[in-house]
N, C-alpha and C. Protein backbone atom coordinates (compact mmCIF):
# COMPACT_ATOMS: atom_id res chain seq x y z
N MET A 1 29.89 -5.03 5.06
CA MET A 1 29.41 -3.72 5.46
C MET A 1 27.89 -3.68 5.32
N THR A 2 27.22 -3.22 6.34
CA THR A 2 25.76 -3.10 6.33
C THR A 2 25.37 -1.79 5.68
N GLU A 3 24.38 -1.87 4.78
CA GLU A 3 23.91 -0.65 4.13
C GLU A 3 23.14 0.21 5.11
N GLN A 4 23.33 1.50 4.99
CA GLN A 4 22.60 2.46 5.81
C GLN A 4 21.27 2.77 5.15
N PRO A 5 20.23 3.07 5.93
CA PRO A 5 18.96 3.48 5.33
C PRO A 5 19.16 4.73 4.47
N ILE A 6 18.32 4.86 3.46
CA ILE A 6 18.39 6.00 2.54
C ILE A 6 17.19 6.89 2.81
N VAL A 7 17.43 8.19 3.00
CA VAL A 7 16.35 9.15 3.18
C VAL A 7 16.41 10.12 2.01
N ILE A 8 15.29 10.26 1.34
CA ILE A 8 15.21 11.13 0.15
C ILE A 8 14.27 12.28 0.48
N SER A 9 14.74 13.50 0.31
CA SER A 9 13.84 14.63 0.51
C SER A 9 13.04 14.82 -0.77
N VAL A 10 11.87 15.39 -0.64
CA VAL A 10 11.02 15.60 -1.82
C VAL A 10 11.13 17.05 -2.25
N ALA A 11 11.28 17.26 -3.56
CA ALA A 11 11.47 18.61 -4.09
C ALA A 11 10.16 19.38 -4.17
N LYS A 12 9.06 18.66 -4.31
CA LYS A 12 7.76 19.33 -4.35
C LYS A 12 6.81 18.56 -3.45
N PRO A 13 5.74 19.19 -3.03
CA PRO A 13 4.83 18.52 -2.09
C PRO A 13 4.26 17.22 -2.65
N LEU A 14 4.23 16.19 -1.82
CA LEU A 14 3.60 14.92 -2.15
C LEU A 14 2.61 14.59 -1.05
N TRP A 15 1.67 13.73 -1.37
CA TRP A 15 0.69 13.27 -0.41
C TRP A 15 0.66 11.75 -0.44
N ALA A 16 0.50 11.13 0.72
CA ALA A 16 0.43 9.68 0.81
C ALA A 16 -0.98 9.27 1.22
N ALA A 17 -1.49 8.23 0.58
CA ALA A 17 -2.81 7.69 0.91
C ALA A 17 -2.71 6.18 1.03
N TRP A 18 -3.43 5.60 1.99
CA TRP A 18 -3.41 4.16 2.22
C TRP A 18 -4.12 3.46 1.08
N SER A 19 -3.51 2.42 0.58
CA SER A 19 -4.10 1.68 -0.54
C SER A 19 -4.57 0.31 -0.11
N MET A 20 -3.66 -0.50 0.44
CA MET A 20 -4.05 -1.86 0.82
C MET A 20 -3.08 -2.42 1.84
N GLY A 21 -3.54 -3.41 2.56
CA GLY A 21 -2.69 -4.08 3.53
C GLY A 21 -1.68 -4.99 2.84
N GLU A 22 -0.70 -5.39 3.59
CA GLU A 22 0.39 -6.19 3.05
C GLU A 22 -0.08 -7.52 2.47
N GLU A 23 -1.04 -8.17 3.13
CA GLU A 23 -1.53 -9.48 2.65
C GLU A 23 -2.12 -9.37 1.25
N LEU A 24 -2.96 -8.36 1.05
CA LEU A 24 -3.57 -8.17 -0.27
C LEU A 24 -2.51 -7.80 -1.30
N ALA A 25 -1.57 -6.95 -0.90
CA ALA A 25 -0.49 -6.56 -1.81
C ALA A 25 0.34 -7.78 -2.21
N ASN A 26 0.51 -8.72 -1.29
CA ASN A 26 1.33 -9.90 -1.57
C ASN A 26 0.66 -10.87 -2.53
N VAL A 27 -0.67 -10.99 -2.49
CA VAL A 27 -1.33 -11.98 -3.35
C VAL A 27 -1.75 -11.43 -4.70
N ARG A 28 -1.73 -10.11 -4.87
CA ARG A 28 -2.12 -9.56 -6.17
C ARG A 28 -1.02 -9.83 -7.20
N GLY A 29 -1.34 -9.69 -8.44
CA GLY A 29 -0.34 -9.85 -9.49
C GLY A 29 -0.06 -11.31 -9.80
N GLN A 30 1.18 -11.63 -10.07
CA GLN A 30 1.57 -12.97 -10.50
C GLN A 30 1.24 -14.03 -9.45
N ARG A 31 1.32 -13.68 -8.21
CA ARG A 31 1.11 -14.66 -7.15
C ARG A 31 -0.36 -15.05 -7.00
N LEU A 32 -1.23 -14.29 -7.63
CA LEU A 32 -2.67 -14.50 -7.50
C LEU A 32 -3.07 -15.92 -7.86
N THR A 33 -2.61 -16.43 -8.98
CA THR A 33 -3.00 -17.77 -9.42
C THR A 33 -2.28 -18.86 -8.63
N GLN A 34 -1.19 -18.51 -7.96
CA GLN A 34 -0.44 -19.50 -7.19
C GLN A 34 -0.93 -19.61 -5.75
N ALA A 35 -1.61 -18.58 -5.26
CA ALA A 35 -2.08 -18.58 -3.88
C ALA A 35 -3.23 -19.57 -3.71
N SER A 36 -3.29 -20.17 -2.54
CA SER A 36 -4.39 -21.10 -2.27
C SER A 36 -5.66 -20.30 -2.02
N THR A 37 -6.79 -20.99 -2.11
CA THR A 37 -8.07 -20.34 -1.86
C THR A 37 -8.12 -19.76 -0.46
N SER A 38 -7.59 -20.48 0.51
CA SER A 38 -7.61 -19.98 1.89
C SER A 38 -6.74 -18.73 2.03
N GLU A 39 -5.61 -18.68 1.30
CA GLU A 39 -4.77 -17.47 1.34
C GLU A 39 -5.51 -16.27 0.75
N LEU A 40 -6.22 -16.50 -0.34
CA LEU A 40 -6.97 -15.41 -0.97
C LEU A 40 -8.09 -14.92 -0.05
N LEU A 41 -8.81 -15.86 0.55
CA LEU A 41 -9.89 -15.47 1.47
C LEU A 41 -9.34 -14.74 2.69
N GLU A 42 -8.21 -15.20 3.21
CA GLU A 42 -7.59 -14.53 4.36
C GLU A 42 -7.14 -13.12 4.00
N ALA A 43 -6.56 -12.97 2.81
CA ALA A 43 -6.11 -11.65 2.37
C ALA A 43 -7.29 -10.69 2.26
N LEU A 44 -8.40 -11.16 1.69
CA LEU A 44 -9.60 -10.32 1.60
C LEU A 44 -10.15 -9.97 2.97
N SER A 45 -10.18 -10.94 3.86
CA SER A 45 -10.71 -10.73 5.21
C SER A 45 -9.85 -9.70 5.97
N LEU A 46 -8.54 -9.87 5.92
CA LEU A 46 -7.65 -8.92 6.59
C LEU A 46 -7.77 -7.53 5.97
N HIS A 47 -7.91 -7.50 4.66
CA HIS A 47 -8.05 -6.22 3.97
C HIS A 47 -9.33 -5.50 4.43
N GLU A 48 -10.43 -6.23 4.49
CA GLU A 48 -11.70 -5.63 4.92
C GLU A 48 -11.60 -5.10 6.35
N ALA A 49 -10.95 -5.85 7.24
CA ALA A 49 -10.79 -5.40 8.62
C ALA A 49 -9.94 -4.14 8.69
N THR A 50 -8.86 -4.12 7.93
CA THR A 50 -7.99 -2.94 7.91
C THR A 50 -8.70 -1.76 7.28
N LEU A 51 -9.48 -2.01 6.24
CA LEU A 51 -10.22 -0.95 5.57
C LEU A 51 -11.17 -0.27 6.55
N GLN A 52 -11.82 -1.04 7.41
CA GLN A 52 -12.72 -0.45 8.40
C GLN A 52 -11.96 0.39 9.41
N LYS A 53 -10.77 -0.08 9.81
CA LYS A 53 -9.96 0.69 10.76
C LYS A 53 -9.44 1.98 10.15
N THR A 54 -9.18 1.97 8.85
CA THR A 54 -8.59 3.14 8.20
C THR A 54 -9.61 4.00 7.48
N ALA A 55 -10.89 3.66 7.59
CA ALA A 55 -11.94 4.43 6.92
C ALA A 55 -11.86 5.90 7.34
N GLY A 56 -11.93 6.75 6.37
CA GLY A 56 -11.90 8.17 6.66
C GLY A 56 -10.51 8.74 6.87
N ARG A 57 -9.49 7.90 6.76
CA ARG A 57 -8.13 8.40 6.94
C ARG A 57 -7.79 9.31 5.77
N ALA A 58 -7.50 10.55 6.07
CA ALA A 58 -7.18 11.51 5.02
C ALA A 58 -5.74 11.32 4.55
N PRO A 59 -5.47 11.65 3.30
CA PRO A 59 -4.08 11.61 2.84
C PRO A 59 -3.20 12.53 3.70
N GLU A 60 -1.94 12.15 3.83
CA GLU A 60 -1.01 12.91 4.67
C GLU A 60 0.09 13.52 3.81
N VAL A 61 0.61 14.66 4.26
CA VAL A 61 1.72 15.32 3.56
C VAL A 61 2.97 14.45 3.71
N VAL A 62 3.68 14.29 2.61
CA VAL A 62 4.93 13.52 2.61
C VAL A 62 6.09 14.50 2.65
N TYR A 63 6.94 14.35 3.66
CA TYR A 63 8.10 15.23 3.81
C TYR A 63 9.36 14.61 3.22
N GLY A 64 9.34 13.33 3.03
CA GLY A 64 10.48 12.63 2.47
C GLY A 64 10.14 11.17 2.27
N LEU A 65 11.09 10.43 1.74
CA LEU A 65 10.91 8.99 1.53
C LEU A 65 12.03 8.25 2.23
N TRP A 66 11.71 7.12 2.83
CA TRP A 66 12.65 6.30 3.60
C TRP A 66 12.78 4.95 2.92
N MET A 67 14.02 4.51 2.75
CA MET A 67 14.27 3.18 2.19
C MET A 67 15.24 2.45 3.10
N GLU A 68 14.88 1.22 3.47
CA GLU A 68 15.77 0.40 4.31
C GLU A 68 17.12 0.21 3.64
N ASP A 69 17.08 -0.05 2.34
CA ASP A 69 18.28 -0.20 1.54
C ASP A 69 17.91 0.11 0.10
N ARG A 70 18.83 0.01 -0.80
CA ARG A 70 18.55 0.42 -2.17
C ARG A 70 17.60 -0.52 -2.91
N TYR A 71 17.29 -1.67 -2.33
CA TYR A 71 16.38 -2.63 -2.96
C TYR A 71 14.95 -2.55 -2.44
N SER A 72 14.73 -1.84 -1.37
CA SER A 72 13.40 -1.80 -0.76
C SER A 72 12.54 -0.70 -1.38
N ASN A 73 11.23 -0.84 -1.21
CA ASN A 73 10.30 0.18 -1.70
C ASN A 73 10.38 1.40 -0.79
N PRO A 74 10.29 2.59 -1.37
CA PRO A 74 10.30 3.79 -0.53
C PRO A 74 9.02 3.90 0.30
N LEU A 75 9.18 4.25 1.57
CA LEU A 75 8.04 4.47 2.46
C LEU A 75 7.93 5.96 2.73
N PRO A 76 6.72 6.52 2.72
CA PRO A 76 6.59 7.95 2.95
C PRO A 76 6.90 8.33 4.40
N ILE A 77 7.52 9.48 4.57
CA ILE A 77 7.75 10.07 5.89
C ILE A 77 6.74 11.20 6.03
N THR A 78 5.87 11.09 7.03
CA THR A 78 4.84 12.09 7.26
C THR A 78 5.12 12.77 8.60
N SER A 79 4.22 13.62 9.04
CA SER A 79 4.40 14.30 10.33
C SER A 79 4.44 13.32 11.49
N SER A 80 3.90 12.11 11.28
CA SER A 80 3.93 11.06 12.30
C SER A 80 5.21 10.25 12.25
N GLY A 81 6.05 10.51 11.28
CA GLY A 81 7.27 9.72 11.10
C GLY A 81 7.14 8.83 9.88
N VAL A 82 7.95 7.78 9.83
CA VAL A 82 7.90 6.85 8.70
C VAL A 82 6.61 6.04 8.81
N VAL A 83 5.86 5.97 7.71
CA VAL A 83 4.62 5.20 7.69
C VAL A 83 4.96 3.72 7.85
N ALA A 84 4.18 3.04 8.65
CA ALA A 84 4.43 1.63 8.95
C ALA A 84 4.59 0.80 7.69
N GLY A 85 5.53 -0.13 7.73
CA GLY A 85 5.82 -0.95 6.55
C GLY A 85 4.78 -2.01 6.27
N ASP A 86 3.80 -2.22 7.17
CA ASP A 86 2.81 -3.26 6.91
C ASP A 86 1.63 -2.74 6.11
N ASP A 87 1.66 -1.50 5.73
CA ASP A 87 0.63 -0.92 4.88
C ASP A 87 1.24 -0.53 3.55
N TYR A 88 0.44 -0.52 2.52
CA TYR A 88 0.89 -0.14 1.20
C TYR A 88 0.33 1.25 0.90
N TYR A 89 1.22 2.20 0.68
CA TYR A 89 0.82 3.58 0.43
C TYR A 89 1.17 4.00 -0.98
N VAL A 90 0.43 4.98 -1.50
CA VAL A 90 0.78 5.60 -2.78
C VAL A 90 1.02 7.08 -2.53
N CYS A 91 1.91 7.65 -3.29
CA CYS A 91 2.24 9.07 -3.17
C CYS A 91 1.88 9.78 -4.47
N GLU A 92 1.22 10.89 -4.34
CA GLU A 92 0.86 11.72 -5.49
C GLU A 92 1.03 13.18 -5.13
N GLU A 93 0.78 14.07 -6.11
CA GLU A 93 1.05 15.49 -5.91
C GLU A 93 -0.07 16.25 -5.21
N THR A 94 -1.28 15.71 -5.19
CA THR A 94 -2.37 16.36 -4.45
C THR A 94 -3.06 15.29 -3.60
N PRO A 95 -3.74 15.70 -2.54
CA PRO A 95 -4.45 14.72 -1.72
C PRO A 95 -5.53 13.99 -2.51
N GLU A 96 -6.20 14.69 -3.42
CA GLU A 96 -7.25 14.07 -4.23
C GLU A 96 -6.68 13.01 -5.16
N GLU A 97 -5.53 13.30 -5.78
CA GLU A 97 -4.88 12.32 -6.65
C GLU A 97 -4.43 11.10 -5.86
N ALA A 98 -3.86 11.34 -4.68
CA ALA A 98 -3.39 10.24 -3.85
C ALA A 98 -4.55 9.34 -3.44
N GLN A 99 -5.65 9.95 -3.00
CA GLN A 99 -6.82 9.19 -2.57
C GLN A 99 -7.42 8.42 -3.74
N SER A 100 -7.55 9.08 -4.88
CA SER A 100 -8.13 8.45 -6.06
C SER A 100 -7.29 7.26 -6.53
N PHE A 101 -5.97 7.44 -6.59
CA PHE A 101 -5.11 6.37 -7.05
C PHE A 101 -5.09 5.22 -6.05
N ALA A 102 -5.11 5.53 -4.75
CA ALA A 102 -5.15 4.49 -3.73
C ALA A 102 -6.42 3.67 -3.85
N GLU A 103 -7.55 4.35 -4.06
CA GLU A 103 -8.82 3.64 -4.22
C GLU A 103 -8.80 2.78 -5.48
N TYR A 104 -8.23 3.30 -6.56
CA TYR A 104 -8.13 2.53 -7.80
C TYR A 104 -7.31 1.26 -7.58
N LEU A 105 -6.13 1.39 -6.96
CA LEU A 105 -5.28 0.22 -6.70
C LEU A 105 -5.98 -0.79 -5.81
N ARG A 106 -6.64 -0.30 -4.77
CA ARG A 106 -7.35 -1.17 -3.84
C ARG A 106 -8.47 -1.92 -4.56
N ASP A 107 -9.29 -1.19 -5.32
CA ASP A 107 -10.40 -1.81 -6.04
C ASP A 107 -9.89 -2.83 -7.06
N TYR A 108 -8.83 -2.48 -7.75
CA TYR A 108 -8.25 -3.38 -8.76
C TYR A 108 -7.78 -4.68 -8.11
N ALA A 109 -7.09 -4.56 -6.98
CA ALA A 109 -6.57 -5.75 -6.29
C ALA A 109 -7.71 -6.61 -5.74
N VAL A 110 -8.70 -5.98 -5.13
CA VAL A 110 -9.83 -6.72 -4.57
C VAL A 110 -10.60 -7.43 -5.67
N ASN A 111 -10.85 -6.73 -6.78
CA ASN A 111 -11.57 -7.34 -7.89
C ASN A 111 -10.80 -8.51 -8.49
N ALA A 112 -9.50 -8.37 -8.60
CA ALA A 112 -8.68 -9.46 -9.15
C ALA A 112 -8.77 -10.70 -8.25
N VAL A 113 -8.73 -10.52 -6.94
CA VAL A 113 -8.84 -11.64 -6.01
C VAL A 113 -10.24 -12.26 -6.11
N ARG A 114 -11.26 -11.44 -6.16
CA ARG A 114 -12.64 -11.96 -6.27
C ARG A 114 -12.84 -12.72 -7.58
N GLU A 115 -12.29 -12.22 -8.68
CA GLU A 115 -12.40 -12.91 -9.96
C GLU A 115 -11.68 -14.25 -9.92
N GLU A 116 -10.53 -14.28 -9.28
CA GLU A 116 -9.79 -15.55 -9.16
C GLU A 116 -10.57 -16.55 -8.31
N LEU A 117 -11.19 -16.08 -7.24
CA LEU A 117 -12.01 -16.97 -6.40
C LEU A 117 -13.21 -17.48 -7.18
N ALA A 118 -13.86 -16.61 -7.98
CA ALA A 118 -15.01 -17.02 -8.78
C ALA A 118 -14.59 -18.02 -9.84
N ARG A 119 -13.41 -17.84 -10.42
CA ARG A 119 -12.91 -18.74 -11.44
C ARG A 119 -12.71 -20.15 -10.89
N ARG A 120 -12.33 -20.24 -9.63
CA ARG A 120 -12.08 -21.54 -9.02
C ARG A 120 -13.39 -22.23 -8.73
């Protein structure tokens, strides 16, 4: 039997803000030391390109959360529909909190990759 997608309504208003592209999200954390130098440089390059495309993107109201199955990360549902799965979003209770936390996560991931590159 194939699992059906799960849609969760939100009890109180949430806001979604773009944090980082999938490549950067994939190399941060434990995988950071295992990734090759070229993978790290590519992740940074793709992140910078995406950051320029998304510059000025305001946080969006979240109407619900979508999950492919019970093991997947929840994706925010906004007025545009389900946010694309190739971006990493954070949800918070105010637009300012969402933007601030997204910037924190992005800066943390970028700095970790840069430190790993400098260490090499």
